[in-house]
């Protein structure tokens, strides 16, 4: 009889473990996702001045979700000499994307997906202005 009682406890323990595992698996799936955002990039008229274009954050990005990867695509008319383009999140987390108009990175990994991204554009002293910005896009995966 004692053996039977231990067997029932073992069955309940396995059932509870199975339920906990299923809930954990489902919660991870629910937290995975992405959003896309785009912005019209500015026209740069002056050398040495930093222009900023903020990308809207999706209202569907969970507040606690952390980034796995970010893909970007930006464009301007031509390929102006001296143009510097950065993709940033916050004041100090910036990636130089000047020579790569399209790409993907894990550089922003573990940052919050709910924080705004923005592009900065600047033409250095040796560059030519004006530079006509077109479209800047990102996809944020969490």
Foldseek 3Di string as FASTA:
>chain_A
DVVVVVVVVVVVVVVVVVVVVVVVVVVVVVLWDKDKWKWFFAWDADAPDKDKTKTDADPPQDQQRWFQKKKKAWDWPDLKPQKWKWKDFPDPQIDTCNPPRTDMDRSRTRPRSRTIIMMIIHGHPPIDDGIGTGMMMMMTID
